[in-house]
């Protein structure tokens, strides 16, 4: 009987006990923030975990649907892109980045930002 009551209670507490930086990364990427590049309509955010890199493009003023994209590429690998008409965020996109440099590009409308090669 105790197990029946305790397990649902613990399951409800797990999200509350997450790491302090997890709330910022809750937009879809796990890992620690590695680089943020701001541009006039939003920002490009890149996160790094042990073996993965992840990127999202986030609008400064969410609301109306507009063209957004995010692209992430590990050196020597194929680029991964998420592009569409979104209200708040494009992505997340992830690539395997164990001991590899990555580059990311984010765009909202005609404005964009890029990181160049990072995490080398």
PDB file of N, CA and C in Angstrom:
ATOM      1  N   UNK A   1       0.818  -1.187   0.000  1.00  0.00           N
ATOM      2  CA  UNK A   1       0.000   0.000   0.000  1.00  0.00           C
ATOM      3  C   UNK A   1       0.870   1.262   0.000  1.00  0.00           C
ATOM      4  N   UNK A   2       1.947   1.262   0.796  1.00  0.00           N
ATOM      5  CA  UNK A   2       2.828   2.421   0.869  1.00  0.00           C
ATOM      6  C   UNK A   2       3.484   2.669  -0.492  1.00  0.00           C
ATOM      7  N   UNK A   3       3.903   1.613  -1.178  1.00  0.00           N
ATOM      8  CA  UNK A   3       4.523   1.761  -2.497  1.00  0.00           C
ATOM      9  C   UNK A   3       3.561   2.415  -3.484  1.00  0.00           C
ATOM     10  N   UNK A   4       2.320   2.057  -3.400  1.00  0.00           N
ATOM     11  CA  UNK A   4       1.320   2.610  -4.311  1.00  0.00           C
ATOM     12  C   UNK A   4       1.192   4.117  -4.118  1.00  0.00           C
ATOM     13  N   UNK A   5       1.329   4.597  -2.900  1.00  0.00           N
ATOM     14  CA  UNK A   5       1.214   6.029  -2.615  1.00  0.00           C
ATOM     15  C   UNK A   5       2.514   6.787  -2.832  1.00  0.00           C
ATOM     16  N   UNK A   6       3.645   6.168  -2.557  1.00  0.00           N
ATOM     17  CA  UNK A   6       4.938   6.839  -2.624  1.00  0.00           C
ATOM     18  C   UNK A   6       5.421   7.020  -4.066  1.00  0.00           C
ATOM     19  N   UNK A   7       5.259   6.021  -4.916  1.00  0.00           N
ATOM     20  CA  UNK A   7       5.765   6.112  -6.282  1.00  0.00           C
ATOM     21  C   UNK A   7       5.160   7.278  -7.072  1.00  0.00           C
ATOM     22  N   UNK A   8       3.844   7.486  -7.069  1.00  0.00           N
ATOM     23  CA  UNK A   8       3.317   8.657  -7.792  1.00  0.00           C
ATOM     24  C   UNK A   8       3.811   9.977  -7.191  1.00  0.00           C
ATOM     25  N   UNK A   9       3.971  10.025  -5.881  1.00  0.00           N
ATOM     26  CA  UNK A   9       4.468  11.242  -5.236  1.00  0.00           C
ATOM     27  C   UNK A   9       5.894  11.538  -5.680  1.00  0.00           C
ATOM     28  N   UNK A  10       6.756  10.517  -5.709  1.00  0.00           N
ATOM     29  CA  UNK A  10       8.133  10.703  -6.153  1.00  0.00           C
ATOM     30  C   UNK A  10       8.190  11.074  -7.633  1.00  0.00           C
ATOM     31  N   UNK A  11       7.348  10.479  -8.446  1.00  0.00           N
ATOM     32  CA  UNK A  11       7.326  10.805  -9.872  1.00  0.00           C
ATOM     33  C   UNK A  11       6.967  12.271 -10.081  1.00  0.00           C
ATOM     34  N   UNK A  12       6.110  12.809  -9.255  1.00  0.00           N
ATOM     35  CA  UNK A  12       5.739  14.220  -9.358  1.00  0.00           C
ATOM     36  C   UNK A  12       6.848  15.152  -8.906  1.00  0.00           C
ATOM     37  N   UNK A  13       7.741  14.698  -8.030  1.00  0.00           N
ATOM     38  CA  UNK A  13       8.824  15.535  -7.531  1.00  0.00           C
ATOM     39  C   UNK A  13      10.040  15.554  -8.443  1.00  0.00           C
ATOM     40  N   UNK A  14      10.204  14.559  -9.289  1.00  0.00           N
ATOM     41  CA  UNK A  14      11.393  14.465 -10.140  1.00  0.00           C
ATOM     42  C   UNK A  14      11.609  15.733 -10.965  1.00  0.00           C
ATOM     43  N   UNK A  15      10.591  16.300 -11.644  1.00  0.00           N
ATOM     44  CA  UNK A  15      10.847  17.529 -12.404  1.00  0.00           C
ATOM     45  C   UNK A  15      11.277  18.699 -11.513  1.00  0.00           C
ATOM     46  N   UNK A  16      10.832  18.712 -10.278  1.00  0.00           N
ATOM     47  CA  UNK A  16      11.193  19.801  -9.370  1.00  0.00           C
ATOM     48  C   UNK A  16      12.623  19.683  -8.872  1.00  0.00           C
ATOM     49  N   UNK A  17      13.177  18.482  -8.919  1.00  0.00           N
ATOM     50  CA  UNK A  17      14.522  18.251  -8.408  1.00  0.00           C
ATOM     51  C   UNK A  17      15.580  18.318  -9.502  1.00  0.00           C
ATOM     52  N   UNK A  18      15.228  18.790 -10.667  1.00  0.00           N
ATOM     53  CA  UNK A  18      16.171  18.864 -11.792  1.00  0.00           C
ATOM     54  C   UNK A  18      17.299  19.824 -11.479  1.00  0.00           C
ATOM     55  N   UNK A  19      18.347  19.724 -12.260  1.00  0.00           N
ATOM     56  CA  UNK A  19      19.514  20.588 -12.079  1.00  0.00           C
ATOM     57  C   UNK A  19      19.124  22.053 -12.250  1.00  0.00           C
ATOM     58  N   UNK A  20      19.816  22.980 -11.574  1.00  0.00           N
ATOM     59  CA  UNK A  20      19.468  24.391 -11.652  1.00  0.00           C
ATOM     60  C   UNK A  20      19.459  24.958 -13.060  1.00  0.00           C
ATOM     61  N   UNK A  21      20.343  24.525 -13.935  1.00  0.00           N
ATOM     62  CA  UNK A  21      20.381  25.060 -15.291  1.00  0.00           C
ATOM     63  C   UNK A  21      19.360  24.432 -16.219  1.00  0.00           C
ATOM     64  N   UNK A  22      18.653  23.424 -15.750  1.00  0.00           N
ATOM     65  CA  UNK A  22      17.720  22.710 -16.617  1.00  0.00           C
ATOM     66  C   UNK A  22      16.529  23.566 -17.014  1.00  0.00           C
ATOM     67  N   UNK A  23      16.127  24.500 -16.188  1.00  0.00           N
ATOM     68  CA  UNK A  23      14.974  25.335 -16.529  1.00  0.00           C
ATOM     69  C   UNK A  23      15.276  26.183 -17.759  1.00  0.00           C
ATOM     70  N   UNK A  24      16.491  26.694 -17.865  1.00  0.00           N
ATOM     71  CA  UNK A  24      16.869  27.494 -19.033  1.00  0.00           C
ATOM     72  C   UNK A  24      16.938  26.620 -20.279  1.00  0.00           C
ATOM     73  N   UNK A  25      17.354  25.381 -20.108  1.00  0.00           N
ATOM     74  CA  UNK A  25      17.477  24.475 -21.234  1.00  0.00           C
ATOM     75  C   UNK A  25      16.162  23.757 -21.537  1.00  0.00           C
ATOM     76  N   UNK A  26      15.123  24.042 -20.785  1.00  0.00           N
ATOM     77  CA  UNK A  26      13.850  23.357 -20.970  1.00  0.00           C
ATOM     78  C   UNK A  26      13.226  23.647 -22.315  1.00  0.00           C
ATOM     79  N   UNK A  27      13.771  24.581 -23.063  1.00  0.00           N
ATOM     80  CA  UNK A  27      13.242  24.896 -24.380  1.00  0.00           C
ATOM     81  C   UNK A  27      13.462  23.756 -25.358  1.00  0.00           C
ATOM     82  N   UNK A  28      14.074  22.681 -24.957  1.00  0.00           N
ATOM     83  CA  UNK A  28      14.244  21.544 -25.835  1.00  0.00           C
ATOM     84  C   UNK A  28      15.640  20.974 -25.850  1.00  0.00           C
ATOM     85  N   UNK A  29      16.633  21.692 -25.423  1.00  0.00           N
ATOM     86  CA  UNK A  29      18.014  21.209 -25.428  1.00  0.00           C
ATOM     87  C   UNK A  29      18.452  20.830 -24.026  1.00  0.00           C
ATOM     88  N   UNK A  30      19.155  19.730 -23.937  1.00  0.00           N
ATOM     89  CA  UNK A  30      19.765  19.376 -22.662  1.00  0.00           C
ATOM     90  C   UNK A  30      21.232  19.788 -22.704  1.00  0.00           C
ATOM     91  N   UNK A  31      21.849  19.813 -21.565  1.00  0.00           N
ATOM     92  CA  UNK A  31      23.246  20.206 -21.493  1.00  0.00           C
ATOM     93  C   UNK A  31      23.405  21.612 -20.942  1.00  0.00           C
ATOM     94  N   UNK A  32      24.631  22.081 -20.951  1.00  0.00           N
ATOM     95  CA  UNK A  32      24.923  23.416 -20.427  1.00  0.00           C
ATOM     96  C   UNK A  32      24.949  24.423 -21.575  1.00  0.00           C
ATOM     97  N   UNK A  33      24.562  25.659 -21.301  1.00  0.00           N
ATOM     98  CA  UNK A  33      24.654  26.682 -22.351  1.00  0.00           C
ATOM     99  C   UNK A  33      26.107  26.880 -22.760  1.00  0.00           C
ATOM    100  N   UNK A  34      26.380  26.837 -24.056  1.00  0.00           N
ATOM    101  CA  UNK A  34      27.742  26.987 -24.558  1.00  0.00           C
ATOM    102  C   UNK A  34      27.944  28.330 -25.239  1.00  0.00           C
ATOM    103  N   UNK A  35      26.929  28.829 -25.948  1.00  0.00           N
ATOM    104  CA  UNK A  35      27.068  30.100 -26.655  1.00  0.00           C
ATOM    105  C   UNK A  35      25.673  30.629 -26.974  1.00  0.00           C
ATOM    106  N   UNK A  36      25.515  31.946 -26.815  1.00  0.00           N
ATOM    107  CA  UNK A  36      24.288  32.628 -27.198  1.00  0.00           C
ATOM    108  C   UNK A  36      24.674  33.809 -28.074  1.00  0.00           C
ATOM    109  N   UNK A  37      24.050  33.896 -29.242  1.00  0.00           N
ATOM    110  CA  UNK A  37      24.304  35.002 -30.166  1.00  0.00           C
ATOM    111  C   UNK A  37      22.985  35.730 -30.379  1.00  0.00           C
ATOM    112  N   UNK A  38      22.949  36.999 -29.988  1.00  0.00           N
ATOM    113  CA  UNK A  38      21.743  37.795 -30.156  1.00  0.00           C
ATOM    114  C   UNK A  38      21.735  38.488 -31.505  1.00  0.00           C
ATOM    115  N   UNK A  39      20.545  38.650 -32.072  1.00  0.00           N
ATOM    116  CA  UNK A  39      20.351  39.464 -33.262  1.00  0.00           C
ATOM    117  C   UNK A  39      19.033  40.203 -33.100  1.00  0.00           C
ATOM    118  N   UNK A  40      18.700  41.073 -34.030  1.00  0.00           N
ATOM    119  CA  UNK A  40      17.604  42.013 -33.809  1.00  0.00           C
ATOM    120  C   UNK A  40      16.251  41.370 -33.516  1.00  0.00           C
ATOM    121  N   UNK A  41      15.956  40.207 -34.071  1.00  0.00           N
ATOM    122  CA  UNK A  41      14.642  39.605 -33.864  1.00  0.00           C
ATOM    123  C   UNK A  41      14.648  38.418 -32.903  1.00  0.00           C
ATOM    124  N   UNK A  42      15.817  38.014 -32.431  1.00  0.00           N
ATOM    125  CA  UNK A  42      15.863  36.878 -31.517  1.00  0.00           C
ATOM    126  C   UNK A  42      17.263  36.524 -31.107  1.00  0.00           C
ATOM    127  N   UNK A  43      17.442  35.262 -30.730  1.00  0.00           N
ATOM    128  CA  UNK A  43      18.769  34.794 -30.376  1.00  0.00           C
ATOM    129  C   UNK A  43      18.940  33.329 -30.734  1.00  0.00           C
ATOM    130  N   UNK A  44      20.174  32.997 -31.034  1.00  0.00           N
ATOM    131  CA  UNK A  44      20.590  31.637 -31.336  1.00  0.00           C
ATOM    132  C   UNK A  44      21.267  31.099 -30.086  1.00  0.00           C
ATOM    133  N   UNK A  45      20.788  29.966 -29.589  1.00  0.00           N
ATOM    134  CA  UNK A  45      21.357  29.371 -28.373  1.00  0.00           C
ATOM    135  C   UNK A  45      21.928  27.997 -28.696  1.00  0.00           C
ATOM    136  N   UNK A  46      23.165  27.767 -28.253  1.00  0.00           N
ATOM    137  CA  UNK A  46      23.829  26.485 -28.457  1.00  0.00           C
ATOM    138  C   UNK A  46      24.131  25.887 -27.090  1.00  0.00           C
ATOM    139  N   UNK A  47      23.818  24.600 -26.934  1.00  0.00           N
ATOM    140  CA  UNK A  47      24.044  23.875 -25.691  1.00  0.00           C
ATOM    141  C   UNK A  47      24.975  22.711 -25.976  1.00  0.00           C
ATOM    142  N   UNK A  48      25.726  22.292 -24.942  1.00  0.00           N
ATOM    143  CA  UNK A  48      26.676  21.186 -25.093  1.00  0.00           C
ATOM    144  C   UNK A  48      26.519  20.227 -23.932  1.00  0.00           C
ATOM    145  N   UNK A  49      26.321  18.963 -24.254  1.00  0.00           N
ATOM    146  CA  UNK A  49      26.400  17.908 -23.250  1.00  0.00           C
ATOM    147  C   UNK A  49      27.678  17.126 -23.541  1.00  0.00           C
ATOM    148  N   UNK A  50      27.883  16.030 -22.890  1.00  0.00           N
ATOM    149  CA  UNK A  50      29.139  15.302 -23.051  1.00  0.00           C
ATOM    150  C   UNK A  50      29.416  14.940 -24.510  1.00  0.00           C
ATOM    151  N   UNK A  51      28.418  14.402 -25.192  1.00  0.00           N
ATOM    152  CA  UNK A  51      28.659  13.927 -26.551  1.00  0.00           C
ATOM    153  C   UNK A  51      27.765  14.576 -27.603  1.00  0.00           C
ATOM    154  N   UNK A  52      26.900  15.475 -27.204  1.00  0.00           N
ATOM    155  CA  UNK A  52      25.947  16.086 -28.130  1.00  0.00           C
ATOM    156  C   UNK A  52      26.028  17.611 -28.071  1.00  0.00           C
ATOM    157  N   UNK A  53      25.735  18.232 -29.195  1.00  0.00           N
ATOM    158  CA  UNK A  53      25.520  19.672 -29.249  1.00  0.00           C
ATOM    159  C   UNK A  53      24.090  19.864 -29.709  1.00  0.00           C
ATOM    160  N   UNK A  54      23.457  20.917 -29.226  1.00  0.00           N
ATOM    161  CA  UNK A  54      22.063  21.180 -29.521  1.00  0.00           C
ATOM    162  C   UNK A  54      21.902  22.679 -29.755  1.00  0.00           C
ATOM    163  N   UNK A  55      20.985  23.060 -30.645  1.00  0.00           N
ATOM    164  CA  UNK A  55      20.773  24.477 -30.926  1.00  0.00           C
ATOM    165  C   UNK A  55      19.297  24.780 -31.127  1.00  0.00           C
ATOM    166  N   UNK A  56      18.901  25.986 -30.724  1.00  0.00           N
ATOM    167  CA  UNK A  56      17.555  26.506 -30.945  1.00  0.00           C
ATOM    168  C   UNK A  56      17.652  27.971 -31.328  1.00  0.00           C
ATOM    169  N   UNK A  57      16.672  28.446 -32.078  1.00  0.00           N
ATOM    170  CA  UNK A  57      16.522  29.872 -32.352  1.00  0.00           C
ATOM    171  C   UNK A  57      15.263  30.316 -31.632  1.00  0.00           C
ATOM    172  N   UNK A  58      15.366  31.348 -30.808  1.00  0.00           N
ATOM    173  CA  UNK A  58      14.243  31.809 -29.992  1.00  0.00           C
ATOM    174  C   UNK A  58      13.908  33.248 -30.351  1.00  0.00           C
ATOM    175  N   UNK A  59      12.634  33.517 -30.586  1.00  0.00           N
ATOM    176  CA  UNK A  59      12.180  34.863 -30.940  1.00  0.00           C
ATOM    177  C   UNK A  59      12.187  35.777 -29.726  1.00  0.00           C
ATOM    178  N   UNK A  60      12.586  37.049 -29.913  1.00  0.00           N
ATOM    179  CA  UNK A  60      12.528  38.033 -28.833  1.00  0.00           C
ATOM    180  C   UNK A  60      11.089  38.376 -28.492  1.00  0.00           C
ATOM    181  N   UNK A  61      10.245  38.457 -29.523  1.00  0.00           N
ATOM    182  CA  UNK A  61       8.837  38.777 -29.323  1.00  0.00           C
ATOM    183  C   UNK A  61       7.977  37.660 -29.913  1.00  0.00           C
ATOM    184  N   UNK A  62       7.703  36.620 -29.099  1.00  0.00           N
ATOM    185  CA  UNK A  62       6.875  35.534 -29.611  1.00  0.00           C
ATOM    186  C   UNK A  62       5.461  36.036 -29.888  1.00  0.00           C
ATOM    187  N   UNK A  63       4.764  35.347 -30.732  1.00  0.00           N
ATOM    188  CA  UNK A  63       3.397  35.744 -31.024  1.00  0.00           C
ATOM    189  C   UNK A  63       2.972  35.302 -32.395  1.00  0.00           C
ATOM    190  N   UNK A  64       3.126  36.194 -33.366  1.00  0.00           N
ATOM    191  CA  UNK A  64       2.658  35.852 -34.705  1.00  0.00           C
ATOM    192  C   UNK A  64       3.581  34.822 -35.364  1.00  0.00           C
ATOM    193  N   UNK A  65       2.989  34.021 -36.227  1.00  0.00           N
ATOM    194  CA  UNK A  65       3.719  32.981 -36.940  1.00  0.00           C
ATOM    195  C   UNK A  65       4.595  33.616 -38.019  1.00  0.00           C
ATOM    196  N   UNK A  66       5.879  33.225 -38.035  1.00  0.00           N
ATOM    197  CA  UNK A  66       6.815  33.730 -39.042  1.00  0.00           C
ATOM    198  C   UNK A  66       7.877  32.675 -39.322  1.00  0.00           C
ATOM    199  N   UNK A  67       8.589  32.860 -40.403  1.00  0.00           N
ATOM    200  CA  UNK A  67       9.607  31.893 -40.792  1.00  0.00           C
ATOM    201  C   UNK A  67      10.784  31.945 -39.833  1.00  0.00           C
ATOM    202  N   UNK A  68      11.121  30.792 -39.276  1.00  0.00           N
ATOM    203  CA  UNK A  68      12.275  30.661 -38.377  1.00  0.00           C
ATOM    204  C   UNK A  68      13.050  29.422 -38.780  1.00  0.00           C
ATOM    205  N   UNK A  69      14.351  29.457 -38.523  1.00  0.00           N
ATOM    206  CA  UNK A  69      15.170  28.277 -38.798  1.00  0.00           C
ATOM    207  C   UNK A  69      16.343  28.201 -37.838  1.00  0.00           C
ATOM    208  N   UNK A  70      16.841  27.008 -37.684  1.00  0.00           N
ATOM    209  CA  UNK A  70      18.066  26.763 -36.935  1.00  0.00           C
ATOM    210  C   UNK A  70      18.802  25.621 -37.631  1.00  0.00           C
ATOM    211  N   UNK A  71      20.114  25.789 -37.790  1.00  0.00           N
ATOM    212  CA  UNK A  71      20.958  24.787 -38.433  1.00  0.00           C
ATOM    213  C   UNK A  71      22.163  24.534 -37.544  1.00  0.00           C
ATOM    214  N   UNK A  72      22.509  23.269 -37.399  1.00  0.00           N
ATOM    215  CA  UNK A  72      23.662  22.887 -36.579  1.00  0.00           C
ATOM    216  C   UNK A  72      24.448  21.833 -37.351  1.00  0.00           C
ATOM    217  N   UNK A  73      25.776  22.012 -37.380  1.00  0.00           N
ATOM    218  CA  UNK A  73      26.635  21.088 -38.107  1.00  0.00           C
ATOM    219  C   UNK A  73      27.894  20.804 -37.308  1.00  0.00           C
ATOM    220  N   UNK A  74      28.227  19.536 -37.178  1.00  0.00           N
ATOM    221  CA  UNK A  74      29.507  19.142 -36.589  1.00  0.00           C
ATOM    222  C   UNK A  74      30.524  19.087 -37.719  1.00  0.00           C
ATOM    223  N   UNK A  75      31.763  19.481 -37.431  1.00  0.00           N
ATOM    224  CA  UNK A  75      32.796  19.474 -38.469  1.00  0.00           C
ATOM    225  C   UNK A  75      32.943  18.066 -39.035  1.00  0.00           C
ATOM    226  N   UNK A  76      32.867  17.978 -40.352  1.00  0.00           N
ATOM    227  CA  UNK A  76      32.960  16.695 -41.027  1.00  0.00           C
ATOM    228  C   UNK A  76      31.629  15.969 -41.152  1.00  0.00           C
ATOM    229  N   UNK A  77      30.557  16.560 -40.631  1.00  0.00           N
ATOM    230  CA  UNK A  77      29.244  15.910 -40.678  1.00  0.00           C
ATOM    231  C   UNK A  77      28.240  16.732 -41.462  1.00  0.00           C
ATOM    232  N   UNK A  78      27.069  16.171 -41.623  1.00  0.00           N
ATOM    233  CA  UNK A  78      25.988  16.856 -42.316  1.00  0.00           C
ATOM    234  C   UNK A  78      25.311  17.860 -41.409  1.00  0.00           C
ATOM    235  N   UNK A  79      24.831  18.924 -42.004  1.00  0.00           N
ATOM    236  CA  UNK A  79      24.077  19.930 -41.258  1.00  0.00           C
ATOM    237  C   UNK A  79      22.664  19.417 -40.995  1.00  0.00           C
ATOM    238  N   UNK A  80      22.148  19.724 -39.806  1.00  0.00           N
ATOM    239  CA  UNK A  80      20.783  19.370 -39.428  1.00  0.00           C
ATOM    240  C   UNK A  80      20.012  20.676 -39.293  1.00  0.00           C
ATOM    241  N   UNK A  81      18.850  20.777 -39.959  1.00  0.00           N
ATOM    242  CA  UNK A  81      18.090  22.023 -40.001  1.00  0.00           C
ATOM    243  C   UNK A  81      16.649  21.793 -39.601  1.00  0.00           C
ATOM    244  N   UNK A  82      16.097  22.760 -38.871  1.00  0.00           N
ATOM    245  CA  UNK A  82      14.668  22.832 -38.614  1.00  0.00           C
ATOM    246  C   UNK A  82      14.202  24.187 -39.123  1.00  0.00           C
ATOM    247  N   UNK A  83      13.325  24.176 -40.122  1.00  0.00           N
ATOM    248  CA  UNK A  83      12.840  25.430 -40.702  1.00  0.00           C
ATOM    249  C   UNK A  83      11.337  25.327 -40.877  1.00  0.00           C
ATOM    250  N   UNK A  84      10.639  26.412 -40.525  1.00  0.00           N
ATOM    251  CA  UNK A  84       9.196  26.426 -40.679  1.00  0.00           C
ATOM    252  C   UNK A  84       8.612  27.730 -40.199  1.00  0.00           C
ATOM    253  N   UNK A  85       7.294  27.779 -40.139  1.00  0.00           N
ATOM    254  CA  UNK A  85       6.585  28.957 -39.640  1.00  0.00           C
ATOM    255  C   UNK A  85       6.227  28.691 -38.178  1.00  0.00           C
ATOM    256  N   UNK A  86       6.923  29.377 -37.270  1.00  0.00           N
ATOM    257  CA  UNK A  86       6.751  29.157 -35.840  1.00  0.00           C
ATOM    258  C   UNK A  86       6.396  30.463 -35.137  1.00  0.00           C
ATOM    259  N   UNK A  87       5.864  30.349 -33.927  1.00  0.00           N
ATOM    260  CA  UNK A  87       5.506  31.535 -33.152  1.00  0.00           C
ATOM    261  C   UNK A  87       6.580  31.920 -32.138  1.00  0.00           C
ATOM    262  N   UNK A  88       7.359  30.945 -31.662  1.00  0.00           N
ATOM    263  CA  UNK A  88       8.323  31.230 -30.597  1.00  0.00           C
ATOM    264  C   UNK A  88       9.730  30.713 -30.861  1.00  0.00           C
ATOM    265  N   UNK A  89       9.845  29.476 -31.387  1.00  0.00           N
ATOM    266  CA  UNK A  89      11.155  28.841 -31.411  1.00  0.00           C
ATOM    267  C   UNK A  89      11.269  27.858 -32.569  1.00  0.00           C
ATOM    268  N   UNK A  90      12.454  27.813 -33.181  1.00  0.00           N
ATOM    269  CA  UNK A  90      12.798  26.776 -34.156  1.00  0.00           C
ATOM    270  C   UNK A  90      13.786  25.838 -33.486  1.00  0.00           C
ATOM    271  N   UNK A  91      13.611  24.569 -33.685  1.00  0.00           N
ATOM    272  CA  UNK A  91      14.491  23.591 -33.063  1.00  0.00           C
ATOM    273  C   UNK A  91      13.757  22.878 -31.954  1.00  0.00           C
ATOM    274  N   UNK A  92      14.440  22.077 -31.221  1.00  0.00           N
ATOM    275  CA  UNK A  92      15.880  21.872 -31.166  1.00  0.00           C
ATOM    276  C   UNK A  92      16.387  20.948 -32.269  1.00  0.00           C
ATOM    277  N   UNK A  93      17.646  21.147 -32.631  1.00  0.00           N
ATOM    278  CA  UNK A  93      18.362  20.227 -33.511  1.00  0.00           C
ATOM    279  C   UNK A  93      19.616  19.786 -32.768  1.00  0.00           C
ATOM    280  N   UNK A  94      19.970  18.517 -32.918  1.00  0.00           N
ATOM    281  CA  UNK A  94      21.144  17.986 -32.217  1.00  0.00           C
ATOM    282  C   UNK A  94      22.052  17.252 -33.187  1.00  0.00           C
ATOM    283  N   UNK A  95      23.334  17.255 -32.862  1.00  0.00           N
ATOM    284  CA  UNK A  95      24.329  16.491 -33.600  1.00  0.00           C
ATOM    285  C   UNK A  95      25.293  15.860 -32.609  1.00  0.00           C
ATOM    286  N   UNK A  96      25.899  14.768 -33.023  1.00  0.00           N
ATOM    287  CA  UNK A  96      26.938  14.142 -32.217  1.00  0.00           C
ATOM    288  C   UNK A  96      28.179  15.025 -32.300  1.00  0.00           C
ATOM    289  N   UNK A  97      28.709  15.423 -31.153  1.00  0.00           N
ATOM    290  CA  UNK A  97      29.818  16.379 -31.160  1.00  0.00           C
ATOM    291  C   UNK A  97      30.924  15.999 -30.181  1.00  0.00           C
ATOM    292  N   UNK A  98      31.148  14.707 -30.006  1.00  0.00           N
ATOM    293  CA  UNK A  98      32.215  14.266 -29.121  1.00  0.00           C
ATOM    294  C   UNK A  98      33.558  14.586 -29.773  1.00  0.00           C
ATOM    295  N   UNK A  99      34.311  15.492 -29.186  1.00  0.00           N
ATOM    296  CA  UNK A  99      35.616  15.928 -29.697  1.00  0.00           C
ATOM    297  C   UNK A  99      35.539  16.517 -31.105  1.00  0.00           C
ATOM    298  N   UNK A 100      34.457  17.239 -31.407  1.00  0.00           N
ATOM    299  CA  UNK A 100      34.293  17.861 -32.724  1.00  0.00           C
ATOM    300  C   UNK A 100      33.803  19.293 -32.564  1.00  0.00           C
ATOM    301  N   UNK A 101      34.284  20.153 -33.436  1.00  0.00           N
ATOM    302  CA  UNK A 101      33.790  21.525 -33.490  1.00  0.00           C
ATOM    303  C   UNK A 101      32.401  21.517 -34.122  1.00  0.00           C
ATOM    304  N   UNK A 102      31.606  22.514 -33.772  1.00  0.00           N
ATOM    305  CA  UNK A 102      30.294  22.669 -34.394  1.00  0.00           C
ATOM    306  C   UNK A 102      30.107  24.118 -34.808  1.00  0.00           C
ATOM    307  N   UNK A 103      29.167  24.341 -35.743  1.00  0.00           N
ATOM    308  CA  UNK A 103      28.770  25.695 -36.080  1.00  0.00           C
ATOM    309  C   UNK A 103      27.254  25.712 -36.197  1.00  0.00           C
ATOM    310  N   UNK A 104      26.675  26.854 -35.831  1.00  0.00           N
ATOM    311  CA  UNK A 104      25.221  26.982 -35.819  1.00  0.00           C
ATOM    312  C   UNK A 104      24.821  28.287 -36.481  1.00  0.00           C
ATOM    313  N   UNK A 105      23.640  28.272 -37.096  1.00  0.00           N
ATOM    314  CA  UNK A 105      23.055  29.456 -37.700  1.00  0.00           C
ATOM    315  C   UNK A 105      21.583  29.483 -37.328  1.00  0.00           C
ATOM    316  N   UNK A 106      21.100  30.652 -36.964  1.00  0.00           N
ATOM    317  CA  UNK A 106      19.692  30.814 -36.653  1.00  0.00           C
ATOM    318  C   UNK A 106      19.135  32.000 -37.403  1.00  0.00           C
ATOM    319  N   UNK A 107      17.859  31.931 -37.798  1.00  0.00           N
ATOM    320  CA  UNK A 107      17.244  33.029 -38.543  1.00  0.00           C
ATOM    321  C   UNK A 107      15.780  33.170 -38.146  1.00  0.00           C
ATOM    322  N   UNK A 108      15.342  34.414 -38.123  1.00  0.00           N
ATOM    323  CA  UNK A 108      13.930  34.747 -37.936  1.00  0.00           C
ATOM    324  C   UNK A 108      13.628  35.806 -38.986  1.00  0.00           C
ATOM    325  N   UNK A 109      12.753  35.462 -39.918  1.00  0.00           N
ATOM    326  CA  UNK A 109      12.500  36.357 -41.036  1.00  0.00           C
ATOM    327  C   UNK A 109      13.767  36.509 -41.856  1.00  0.00           C
ATOM    328  N   UNK A 110      14.149  37.750 -42.142  1.00  0.00           N
ATOM    329  CA  UNK A 110      15.356  38.011 -42.940  1.00  0.00           C
ATOM    330  C   UNK A 110      16.592  38.265 -42.082  1.00  0.00           C
ATOM    331  N   UNK A 111      16.445  38.290 -40.775  1.00  0.00           N
ATOM    332  CA  UNK A 111      17.568  38.524 -39.862  1.00  0.00           C
ATOM    333  C   UNK A 111      18.136  37.190 -39.400  1.00  0.00           C
ATOM    334  N   UNK A 112      19.467  37.130 -39.266  1.00  0.00           N
ATOM    335  CA  UNK A 112      20.094  35.873 -38.862  1.00  0.00           C
ATOM    336  C   UNK A 112      21.353  36.120 -38.046  1.00  0.00           C
ATOM    337  N   UNK A 113      21.859  35.038 -37.461  1.00  0.00           N
ATOM    338  CA  UNK A 113      23.104  35.065 -36.690  1.00  0.00           C
ATOM    339  C   UNK A 113      23.805  33.730 -36.863  1.00  0.00           C
ATOM    340  N   UNK A 114      25.116  33.739 -36.702  1.00  0.00           N
ATOM    341  CA  UNK A 114      25.906  32.533 -36.851  1.00  0.00           C
ATOM    342  C   UNK A 114      26.997  32.511 -35.791  1.00  0.00           C
ATOM    343  N   UNK A 115      27.447  31.323 -35.422  1.00  0.00           N
ATOM    344  CA  UNK A 115      28.476  31.197 -34.387  1.00  0.00           C
ATOM    345  C   UNK A 115      29.871  31.059 -34.956  1.00  0.00           C
ATOM    346  N   UNK A 116      30.016  30.616 -36.194  1.00  0.00           N
ATOM    347  CA  UNK A 116      31.333  30.189 -36.664  1.00  0.00           C
ATOM    348  C   UNK A 116      31.646  28.869 -35.973  1.00  0.00           C
ATOM    349  N   UNK A 117      32.852  28.349 -36.147  1.00  0.00           N
ATOM    350  CA  UNK A 117      33.216  27.082 -35.510  1.00  0.00           C
ATOM    351  C   UNK A 117      33.490  27.309 -34.024  1.00  0.00           C
ATOM    352  N   UNK A 118      32.789  26.563 -33.166  1.00  0.00           N
ATOM    353  CA  UNK A 118      32.932  26.679 -31.706  1.00  0.00           C
ATOM    354  C   UNK A 118      33.069  25.305 -31.092  1.00  0.00           C
ATOM    355  N   UNK A 119      33.327  25.269 -29.797  1.00  0.00           N
ATOM    356  CA  UNK A 119      33.457  24.043 -29.002  1.00  0.00           C
ATOM    357  C   UNK A 119      34.612  23.166 -29.468  1.00  0.00           C
ATOM    358  N   UNK A 120      35.624  23.778 -30.036  1.00  0.00           N
ATOM    359  CA  UNK A 120      36.774  23.017 -30.552  1.00  0.00           C
ATOM    360  C   UNK A 120      37.707  22.618 -29.423  1.00  0.00           C
TER     361      UNK A 120
END
